[in-house]
Amino acid sequence: VPLDARLGWHTVMTEGFGALPKVASVLKATLETTRPY
């Protein structure tokens, strides 16, 4: 897959690798989305 297929990579490229924890927390939060479903 292309490099830009990585979710959140655009944020890392603009904010630097310090943005990785923020991207990880966003992905973790998605797991909460379907629990009510």
PDB file of all heavy atoms in Angstrom:
ATOM      1  N   VAL A   1       0.861  -1.184   0.000  1.00  0.00           N
ATOM      2  CA  VAL A   1       0.000   0.000   0.000  1.00  0.00           C
ATOM      3  C   VAL A   1       0.898   1.235   0.000  1.00  0.00           C
ATOM      4  O   VAL A   1       2.037   1.183   0.468  1.00  0.00           O
ATOM      5  CB  VAL A   1      -0.939   0.027   1.233  1.00  0.00           C
ATOM      6  CG1 VAL A   1      -1.865  -1.171   1.239  1.00  0.00           C
ATOM      7  CG2 VAL A   1      -0.140   0.094   2.530  1.00  0.00           C
ATOM      8  N   PRO A   2       0.418   2.349  -0.523  1.00  0.00           N
ATOM      9  CA  PRO A   2       1.245   3.561  -0.533  1.00  0.00           C
ATOM     10  C   PRO A   2       1.496   4.091   0.871  1.00  0.00           C
ATOM     11  O   PRO A   2       0.767   3.762   1.812  1.00  0.00           O
ATOM     12  CB  PRO A   2       0.414   4.546  -1.370  1.00  0.00           C
ATOM     13  CG  PRO A   2      -0.977   4.013  -1.323  1.00  0.00           C
ATOM     14  CD  PRO A   2      -0.865   2.527  -1.211  1.00  0.00           C
ATOM     15  N   LEU A   3       2.517   4.909   1.018  1.00  0.00           N
ATOM     16  CA  LEU A   3       2.862   5.461   2.325  1.00  0.00           C
ATOM     17  C   LEU A   3       1.701   6.218   2.950  1.00  0.00           C
ATOM     18  O   LEU A   3       1.480   6.161   4.163  1.00  0.00           O
ATOM     19  CB  LEU A   3       4.080   6.389   2.209  1.00  0.00           C
ATOM     20  CG  LEU A   3       5.435   5.729   1.947  1.00  0.00           C
ATOM     21  CD1 LEU A   3       6.518   6.799   1.836  1.00  0.00           C
ATOM     22  CD2 LEU A   3       5.774   4.715   3.037  1.00  0.00           C
ATOM     23  N   ASP A   4       0.935   6.930   2.109  1.00  0.00           N
ATOM     24  CA  ASP A   4      -0.158   7.724   2.667  1.00  0.00           C
ATOM     25  C   ASP A   4      -1.399   6.896   2.981  1.00  0.00           C
ATOM     26  O   ASP A   4      -2.432   7.437   3.349  1.00  0.00           O
ATOM     27  CB  ASP A   4      -0.532   8.884   1.739  1.00  0.00           C
ATOM     28  CG  ASP A   4      -0.976   8.424   0.360  1.00  0.00           C
ATOM     29  OD1 ASP A   4      -1.109   7.200   0.147  1.00  0.00           O
ATOM     30  OD2 ASP A   4      -1.204   9.297  -0.512  1.00  0.00           O
ATOM     31  N   ALA A   5      -1.295   5.548   2.860  1.00  0.00           N
ATOM     32  CA  ALA A   5      -2.394   4.674   3.282  1.00  0.00           C
ATOM     33  C   ALA A   5      -2.417   4.493   4.788  1.00  0.00           C
ATOM     34  O   ALA A   5      -3.367   3.945   5.343  1.00  0.00           O
ATOM     35  CB  ALA A   5      -2.289   3.308   2.597  1.00  0.00           C
ATOM     36  N   ARG A   6      -1.356   4.961   5.453  1.00  0.00           N
ATOM     37  CA  ARG A   6      -1.311   4.854   6.906  1.00  0.00           C
ATOM     38  C   ARG A   6      -2.183   5.937   7.520  1.00  0.00           C
ATOM     39  O   ARG A   6      -2.003   7.128   7.249  1.00  0.00           O
ATOM     40  CB  ARG A   6       0.131   5.021   7.395  1.00  0.00           C
ATOM     41  CG  ARG A   6       0.282   4.983   8.908  1.00  0.00           C
ATOM     42  CD  ARG A   6       1.744   4.980   9.312  1.00  0.00           C
ATOM     43  NE  ARG A   6       1.879   5.091  10.761  1.00  0.00           N
ATOM     44  CZ  ARG A   6       3.043   4.979  11.411  1.00  0.00           C
ATOM     45  NH1 ARG A   6       4.151   4.739  10.739  1.00  0.00           N
ATOM     46  NH2 ARG A   6       3.095   5.097  12.726  1.00  0.00           N
ATOM     47  N   LEU A   7      -3.144   5.538   8.345  1.00  0.00           N
ATOM     48  CA  LEU A   7      -4.041   6.500   8.972  1.00  0.00           C
ATOM     49  C   LEU A   7      -3.264   7.394   9.933  1.00  0.00           C
ATOM     50  O   LEU A   7      -2.463   6.906  10.735  1.00  0.00           O
ATOM     51  CB  LEU A   7      -5.159   5.784   9.736  1.00  0.00           C
ATOM     52  CG  LEU A   7      -6.278   5.176   8.899  1.00  0.00           C
ATOM     53  CD1 LEU A   7      -7.310   4.532   9.810  1.00  0.00           C
ATOM     54  CD2 LEU A   7      -6.949   6.205   8.017  1.00  0.00           C
ATOM     55  N   GLY A   8      -3.510   8.688   9.843  1.00  0.00           N
ATOM     56  CA  GLY A   8      -2.852   9.627  10.728  1.00  0.00           C
ATOM     57  C   GLY A   8      -1.484  10.067  10.263  1.00  0.00           C
ATOM     58  O   GLY A   8      -0.868  10.943  10.878  1.00  0.00           O
ATOM     59  N   TRP A   9      -0.996   9.493   9.151  1.00  0.00           N
ATOM     60  CA  TRP A   9       0.341   9.825   8.693  1.00  0.00           C
ATOM     61  C   TRP A   9       0.446  11.285   8.261  1.00  0.00           C
ATOM     62  O   TRP A   9       1.479  11.916   8.401  1.00  0.00           O
ATOM     63  CB  TRP A   9       0.743   8.903   7.552  1.00  0.00           C
ATOM     64  CG  TRP A   9       2.219   8.921   7.246  1.00  0.00           C
ATOM     65  CD1 TRP A   9       2.816   9.269   6.077  1.00  0.00           C
ATOM     66  CD2 TRP A   9       3.285   8.548   8.126  1.00  0.00           C
ATOM     67  NE1 TRP A   9       4.183   9.146   6.171  1.00  0.00           N
ATOM     68  CE2 TRP A   9       4.497   8.699   7.423  1.00  0.00           C
ATOM     69  CE3 TRP A   9       3.336   8.097   9.456  1.00  0.00           C
ATOM     70  CZ2 TRP A   9       5.736   8.430   7.995  1.00  0.00           C
ATOM     71  CZ3 TRP A   9       4.568   7.837  10.012  1.00  0.00           C
ATOM     72  CH2 TRP A   9       5.744   7.999   9.295  1.00  0.00           C
ATOM     73  N   HIS A  10      -0.665  11.818   7.733  1.00  0.00           N
ATOM     74  CA  HIS A  10      -0.660  13.230   7.328  1.00  0.00           C
ATOM     75  C   HIS A  10      -0.424  14.137   8.542  1.00  0.00           C
ATOM     76  O   HIS A  10       0.209  15.182   8.441  1.00  0.00           O
ATOM     77  CB  HIS A  10      -1.973  13.594   6.637  1.00  0.00           C
ATOM     78  CG  HIS A  10      -3.175  13.498   7.520  1.00  0.00           C
ATOM     79  ND1 HIS A  10      -3.645  12.286   8.002  1.00  0.00           N
ATOM     80  CD2 HIS A  10      -4.003  14.449   8.031  1.00  0.00           C
ATOM     81  CE1 HIS A  10      -4.709  12.502   8.762  1.00  0.00           C
ATOM     82  NE2 HIS A  10      -4.947  13.801   8.792  1.00  0.00           N
ATOM     83  N   THR A  11      -0.950  13.707   9.706  1.00  0.00           N
ATOM     84  CA  THR A  11      -0.743  14.486  10.933  1.00  0.00           C
ATOM     85  C   THR A  11       0.712  14.417  11.373  1.00  0.00           C
ATOM     86  O   THR A  11       1.309  15.423  11.786  1.00  0.00           O
ATOM     87  CB  THR A  11      -1.647  13.959  12.063  1.00  0.00           C
ATOM     88  OG1 THR A  11      -3.003  13.986  11.625  1.00  0.00           O
ATOM     89  CG2 THR A  11      -1.509  14.808  13.315  1.00  0.00           C
ATOM     90  N   VAL A  12       1.314  13.236  11.273  1.00  0.00           N
ATOM     91  CA  VAL A  12       2.718  13.068  11.652  1.00  0.00           C
ATOM     92  C   VAL A  12       3.610  13.905  10.740  1.00  0.00           C
ATOM     93  O   VAL A  12       4.573  14.540  11.189  1.00  0.00           O
ATOM     94  CB  VAL A  12       3.123  11.578  11.587  1.00  0.00           C
ATOM     95  CG1 VAL A  12       4.612  11.415  11.847  1.00  0.00           C
ATOM     96  CG2 VAL A  12       2.323  10.776  12.604  1.00  0.00           C
ATOM     97  N   MET A  13       3.286  13.933   9.462  1.00  0.00           N
ATOM     98  CA  MET A  13       4.115  14.664   8.507  1.00  0.00           C
ATOM     99  C   MET A  13       4.062  16.170   8.737  1.00  0.00           C
ATOM    100  O   MET A  13       5.012  16.888   8.429  1.00  0.00           O
ATOM    101  CB  MET A  13       3.677  14.339   7.072  1.00  0.00           C
ATOM    102  CG  MET A  13       3.890  12.881   6.677  1.00  0.00           C
ATOM    103  SD  MET A  13       5.597  12.300   6.874  1.00  0.00           S
ATOM    104  CE  MET A  13       6.399  13.195   5.553  1.00  0.00           C
ATOM    105  N   THR A  14       2.932  16.655   9.267  1.00  0.00           N
ATOM    106  CA  THR A  14       2.805  18.094   9.500  1.00  0.00           C
ATOM    107  C   THR A  14       3.228  18.497  10.916  1.00  0.00           C
ATOM    108  O   THR A  14       3.761  19.584  11.119  1.00  0.00           O
ATOM    109  CB  THR A  14       1.360  18.558   9.262  1.00  0.00           C
ATOM    110  OG1 THR A  14       0.471  17.796  10.099  1.00  0.00           O
ATOM    111  CG2 THR A  14       0.973  18.365   7.804  1.00  0.00           C
ATOM    112  N   GLU A  15       3.010  17.611  11.881  1.00  0.00           N
ATOM    113  CA  GLU A  15       3.299  17.954  13.274  1.00  0.00           C
ATOM    114  C   GLU A  15       4.541  17.266  13.829  1.00  0.00           C
ATOM    115  O   GLU A  15       4.961  17.545  14.945  1.00  0.00           O
ATOM    116  CB  GLU A  15       2.096  17.608  14.158  1.00  0.00           C
ATOM    117  CG  GLU A  15       0.821  18.361  13.792  1.00  0.00           C
ATOM    118  CD  GLU A  15      -0.330  18.028  14.708  1.00  0.00           C
ATOM    119  OE1 GLU A  15      -0.070  17.479  15.801  1.00  0.00           O
ATOM    120  OE2 GLU A  15      -1.482  18.308  14.335  1.00  0.00           O
ATOM    121  N   GLY A  16       5.102  16.323  13.064  1.00  0.00           N
ATOM    122  CA  GLY A  16       6.276  15.601  13.533  1.00  0.00           C
ATOM    123  C   GLY A  16       5.896  14.323  14.269  1.00  0.00           C
ATOM    124  O   GLY A  16       4.716  14.049  14.526  1.00  0.00           O
ATOM    125  N   PHE A  17       6.902  13.526  14.615  1.00  0.00           N
ATOM    126  CA  PHE A  17       6.645  12.224  15.236  1.00  0.00           C
ATOM    127  C   PHE A  17       6.083  12.347  16.645  1.00  0.00           C
ATOM    128  O   PHE A  17       5.600  11.366  17.213  1.00  0.00           O
ATOM    129  CB  PHE A  17       7.926  11.385  15.239  1.00  0.00           C
ATOM    130  CG  PHE A  17       8.259  10.798  13.907  1.00  0.00           C
ATOM    131  CD1 PHE A  17       9.072  11.484  13.016  1.00  0.00           C
ATOM    132  CD2 PHE A  17       7.748   9.571  13.527  1.00  0.00           C
ATOM    133  CE1 PHE A  17       9.373  10.947  11.767  1.00  0.00           C
ATOM    134  CE2 PHE A  17       8.040   9.030  12.287  1.00  0.00           C
ATOM    135  CZ  PHE A  17       8.857   9.720  11.401  1.00  0.00           C
ATOM    136  N   GLY A  18       6.120  13.555  17.215  1.00  0.00           N
ATOM    137  CA  GLY A  18       5.482  13.749  18.511  1.00  0.00           C
ATOM    138  C   GLY A  18       3.984  13.586  18.453  1.00  0.00           C
ATOM    139  O   GLY A  18       3.322  13.449  19.485  1.00  0.00           O
ATOM    140  N   ALA A  19       3.429  13.581  17.222  1.00  0.00           N
ATOM    141  CA  ALA A  19       1.981  13.421  17.056  1.00  0.00           C
ATOM    142  C   ALA A  19       1.551  11.957  17.135  1.00  0.00           C
ATOM    143  O   ALA A  19       0.356  11.661  17.204  1.00  0.00           O
ATOM    144  CB  ALA A  19       1.537  14.011  15.714  1.00  0.00           C
ATOM    145  N   LEU A  20       2.503  11.019  17.141  1.00  0.00           N
ATOM    146  CA  LEU A  20       2.154   9.594  17.153  1.00  0.00           C
ATOM    147  C   LEU A  20       1.264   9.194  18.326  1.00  0.00           C
ATOM    148  O   LEU A  20       0.286   8.463  18.145  1.00  0.00           O
ATOM    149  CB  LEU A  20       3.421   8.738  17.135  1.00  0.00           C
ATOM    150  CG  LEU A  20       4.085   8.555  15.766  1.00  0.00           C
ATOM    151  CD1 LEU A  20       5.410   7.815  15.914  1.00  0.00           C
ATOM    152  CD2 LEU A  20       3.160   7.813  14.812  1.00  0.00           C
ATOM    153  N   PRO A  21       1.566   9.634  19.569  1.00  0.00           N
ATOM    154  CA  PRO A  21       0.669   9.266  20.677  1.00  0.00           C
ATOM    155  C   PRO A  21      -0.761   9.773  20.468  1.00  0.00           C
ATOM    156  O   PRO A  21      -1.721   9.093  20.827  1.00  0.00           O
ATOM    157  CB  PRO A  21       1.326   9.930  21.893  1.00  0.00           C
ATOM    158  CG  PRO A  21       2.766  10.052  21.527  1.00  0.00           C
ATOM    159  CD  PRO A  21       2.763  10.348  20.055  1.00  0.00           C
ATOM    160  N   LYS A  22      -0.896  10.964  19.868  1.00  0.00           N
ATOM    161  CA  LYS A  22      -2.229  11.499  19.622  1.00  0.00           C
ATOM    162  C   LYS A  22      -2.974  10.650  18.603  1.00  0.00           C
ATOM    163  O   LYS A  22      -4.151  10.339  18.778  1.00  0.00           O
ATOM    164  CB  LYS A  22      -2.139  12.942  19.118  1.00  0.00           C
ATOM    165  CG  LYS A  22      -3.485  13.591  18.855  1.00  0.00           C
ATOM    166  CD  LYS A  22      -3.370  15.068  18.571  1.00  0.00           C
ATOM    167  CE  LYS A  22      -2.741  15.316  17.224  1.00  0.00           C
ATOM    168  NZ  LYS A  22      -2.721  16.752  16.869  1.00  0.00           N
ATOM    169  N   VAL A  23      -2.270  10.233  17.546  1.00  0.00           N
ATOM    170  CA  VAL A  23      -2.883   9.372  16.533  1.00  0.00           C
ATOM    171  C   VAL A  23      -3.292   8.043  17.156  1.00  0.00           C
ATOM    172  O   VAL A  23      -4.383   7.524  16.902  1.00  0.00           O
ATOM    173  CB  VAL A  23      -1.908   9.137  15.356  1.00  0.00           C
ATOM    174  CG1 VAL A  23      -2.476   8.109  14.391  1.00  0.00           C
ATOM    175  CG2 VAL A  23      -1.625  10.449  14.627  1.00  0.00           C
ATOM    176  N   ALA A  24      -2.414   7.476  18.005  1.00  0.00           N
ATOM    177  CA  ALA A  24      -2.716   6.203  18.658  1.00  0.00           C
ATOM    178  C   ALA A  24      -3.951   6.316  19.546  1.00  0.00           C
ATOM    179  O   ALA A  24      -4.786   5.400  19.592  1.00  0.00           O
ATOM    180  CB  ALA A  24      -1.515   5.735  19.475  1.00  0.00           C
ATOM    181  N   SER A  25      -4.083   7.434  20.254  1.00  0.00           N
ATOM    182  CA  SER A  25      -5.244   7.605  21.131  1.00  0.00           C
ATOM    183  C   SER A  25      -6.526   7.726  20.332  1.00  0.00           C
ATOM    184  O   SER A  25      -7.581   7.255  20.755  1.00  0.00           O
ATOM    185  CB  SER A  25      -5.058   8.839  22.025  1.00  0.00           C
ATOM    186  OG  SER A  25      -5.055  10.026  21.251  1.00  0.00           O
ATOM    187  N   VAL A  26      -6.437   8.342  19.158  1.00  0.00           N
ATOM    188  CA  VAL A  26      -7.613   8.452  18.287  1.00  0.00           C
ATOM    189  C   VAL A  26      -8.052   7.077  17.816  1.00  0.00           C
ATOM    190  O   VAL A  26      -9.239   6.732  17.829  1.00  0.00           O
ATOM    191  CB  VAL A  26      -7.309   9.369  17.084  1.00  0.00           C
ATOM    192  CG1 VAL A  26      -8.408   9.267  16.036  1.00  0.00           C
ATOM    193  CG2 VAL A  26      -7.168  10.810  17.542  1.00  0.00           C
ATOM    194  N   LEU A  27      -7.087   6.257  17.409  1.00  0.00           N
ATOM    195  CA  LEU A  27      -7.416   4.905  16.952  1.00  0.00           C
ATOM    196  C   LEU A  27      -7.996   4.069  18.082  1.00  0.00           C
ATOM    197  O   LEU A  27      -8.936   3.293  17.886  1.00  0.00           O
ATOM    198  CB  LEU A  27      -6.170   4.236  16.376  1.00  0.00           C
ATOM    199  CG  LEU A  27      -5.648   4.823  15.059  1.00  0.00           C
ATOM    200  CD1 LEU A  27      -4.315   4.203  14.695  1.00  0.00           C
ATOM    201  CD2 LEU A  27      -6.662   4.618  13.942  1.00  0.00           C
ATOM    202  N   LYS A  28      -7.436   4.228  19.284  1.00  0.00           N
ATOM    203  CA  LYS A  28      -7.967   3.492  20.437  1.00  0.00           C
ATOM    204  C   LYS A  28      -9.404   3.895  20.724  1.00  0.00           C
ATOM    205  O   LYS A  28     -10.259   3.060  21.066  1.00  0.00           O
ATOM    206  CB  LYS A  28      -7.097   3.740  21.663  1.00  0.00           C
ATOM    207  CG  LYS A  28      -7.533   2.965  22.893  1.00  0.00           C
ATOM    208  CD  LYS A  28      -6.604   3.240  24.075  1.00  0.00           C
ATOM    209  CE  LYS A  28      -7.058   2.477  25.316  1.00  0.00           C
ATOM    210  NZ  LYS A  28      -6.190   2.761  26.474  1.00  0.00           N
ATOM    211  N   ALA A  29      -9.695   5.181  20.557  1.00  0.00           N
ATOM    212  CA  ALA A  29     -11.044   5.674  20.838  1.00  0.00           C
ATOM    213  C   ALA A  29     -12.074   5.089  19.881  1.00  0.00           C
ATOM    214  O   ALA A  29     -13.247   4.958  20.232  1.00  0.00           O
ATOM    215  CB  ALA A  29     -11.067   7.199  20.766  1.00  0.00           C
ATOM    216  N   THR A  30     -11.624   4.699  18.682  1.00  0.00           N
ATOM    217  CA  THR A  30     -12.580   4.140  17.724  1.00  0.00           C
ATOM    218  C   THR A  30     -13.173   2.821  18.224  1.00  0.00           C
ATOM    219  O   THR A  30     -14.289   2.448  17.852  1.00  0.00           O
ATOM    220  CB  THR A  30     -11.927   3.902  16.353  1.00  0.00           C
ATOM    221  OG1 THR A  30     -10.883   2.933  16.480  1.00  0.00           O
ATOM    222  CG2 THR A  30     -11.359   5.190  15.791  1.00  0.00           C
ATOM    223  N   LEU A  31     -12.405   2.102  19.055  1.00  0.00           N
ATOM    224  CA  LEU A  31     -12.910   0.833  19.577  1.00  0.00           C
ATOM    225  C   LEU A  31     -14.146   1.036  20.440  1.00  0.00           C
ATOM    226  O   LEU A  31     -14.967   0.123  20.606  1.00  0.00           O
ATOM    227  CB  LEU A  31     -11.819   0.116  20.372  1.00  0.00           C
ATOM    228  CG  LEU A  31     -10.607  -0.353  19.554  1.00  0.00           C
ATOM    229  CD1 LEU A  31      -9.519  -0.870  20.484  1.00  0.00           C
ATOM    230  CD2 LEU A  31     -11.023  -1.430  18.560  1.00  0.00           C
ATOM    231  N   GLU A  32     -14.265   2.236  21.026  1.00  0.00           N
ATOM    232  CA  GLU A  32     -15.430   2.515  21.865  1.00  0.00           C
ATOM    233  C   GLU A  32     -16.689   2.717  21.019  1.00  0.00           C
ATOM    234  O   GLU A  32     -17.806   2.603  21.521  1.00  0.00           O
ATOM    235  CB  GLU A  32     -15.179   3.775  22.701  1.00  0.00           C
ATOM    236  CG  GLU A  32     -13.903   3.750  23.533  1.00  0.00           C
ATOM    237  CD  GLU A  32     -13.972   2.726  24.646  1.00  0.00           C
ATOM    238  OE1 GLU A  32     -15.092   2.421  25.084  1.00  0.00           O
ATOM    239  OE2 GLU A  32     -12.910   2.232  25.070  1.00  0.00           O
ATOM    240  N   THR A  33     -16.493   3.036  19.731  1.00  0.00           N
ATOM    241  CA  THR A  33     -17.612   3.444  18.883  1.00  0.00           C
ATOM    242  C   THR A  33     -18.675   2.362  18.746  1.00  0.00           C
ATOM    243  O   THR A  33     -19.874   2.651  18.787  1.00  0.00           O
ATOM    244  CB  THR A  33     -17.101   3.843  17.486  1.00  0.00           C
ATOM    245  OG1 THR A  33     -16.152   4.896  17.630  1.00  0.00           O
ATOM    246  CG2 THR A  33     -18.241   4.316  16.602  1.00  0.00           C
ATOM    247  N   THR A  34     -18.263   1.116  18.550  1.00  0.00           N
ATOM    248  CA  THR A  34     -19.236   0.058  18.258  1.00  0.00           C
ATOM    249  C   THR A  34     -19.705  -0.696  19.493  1.00  0.00           C
ATOM    250  O   THR A  34     -20.524  -1.607  19.369  1.00  0.00           O
ATOM    251  CB  THR A  34     -18.640  -0.950  17.261  1.00  0.00           C
ATOM    252  OG1 THR A  34     -17.392  -1.429  17.769  1.00  0.00           O
ATOM    253  CG2 THR A  34     -18.415  -0.300  15.909  1.00  0.00           C
ATOM    254  N   ARG A  35     -19.228  -0.343  20.653  1.00  0.00           N
ATOM    255  CA  ARG A  35     -19.664  -1.085  21.845  1.00  0.00           C
ATOM    256  C   ARG A  35     -21.169  -0.943  22.098  1.00  0.00           C
ATOM    257  O   ARG A  35     -21.825  -1.933  22.435  1.00  0.00           O
ATOM    258  CB  ARG A  35     -18.834  -0.667  23.061  1.00  0.00           C
ATOM    259  CG  ARG A  35     -17.418  -1.211  22.965  1.00  0.00           C
ATOM    260  CD  ARG A  35     -16.557  -0.917  24.155  1.00  0.00           C
ATOM    261  NE  ARG A  35     -15.251  -1.565  24.016  1.00  0.00           N
ATOM    262  CZ  ARG A  35     -14.250  -1.425  24.855  1.00  0.00           C
ATOM    263  NH1 ARG A  35     -14.396  -0.649  25.916  1.00  0.00           N
ATOM    264  NH2 ARG A  35     -13.107  -2.041  24.659  1.00  0.00           N
ATOM    265  N   PRO A  36     -21.756   0.246  21.970  1.00  0.00           N
ATOM    266  CA  PRO A  36     -23.220   0.329  22.115  1.00  0.00           C
ATOM    267  C   PRO A  36     -23.953  -0.498  21.055  1.00  0.00           C
ATOM    268  O   PRO A  36     -24.988  -1.099  21.334  1.00  0.00           O
ATOM    269  CB  PRO A  36     -23.506   1.826  21.949  1.00  0.00           C
ATOM    270  CG  PRO A  36     -22.237   2.496  22.331  1.00  0.00           C
ATOM    271  CD  PRO A  36     -21.155   1.586  21.832  1.00  0.00           C
ATOM    272  N   TYR A  37     -23.401  -0.525  19.838  1.00  0.00           N
ATOM    273  CA  TYR A  37     -24.001  -1.290  18.747  1.00  0.00           C
ATOM    274  C   TYR A  37     -23.985  -2.784  19.068  1.00  0.00           C
ATOM    275  O   TYR A  37     -24.992  -3.490  18.912  1.00  0.00           O
ATOM    276  CB  TYR A  37     -23.217  -1.000  17.461  1.00  0.00           C
ATOM    277  CG  TYR A  37     -23.502  -1.900  16.296  1.00  0.00           C
ATOM    278  CD1 TYR A  37     -24.679  -1.774  15.568  1.00  0.00           C
ATOM    279  CD2 TYR A  37     -22.581  -2.868  15.892  1.00  0.00           C
ATOM    280  CE1 TYR A  37     -24.933  -2.588  14.478  1.00  0.00           C
ATOM    281  CE2 TYR A  37     -22.826  -3.687  14.804  1.00  0.00           C
ATOM    282  CZ  TYR A  37     -24.007  -3.542  14.100  1.00  0.00           C
ATOM    283  OH  TYR A  37     -24.247  -4.356  13.024  1.00  0.00           O
TER     284      TYR A  37
END
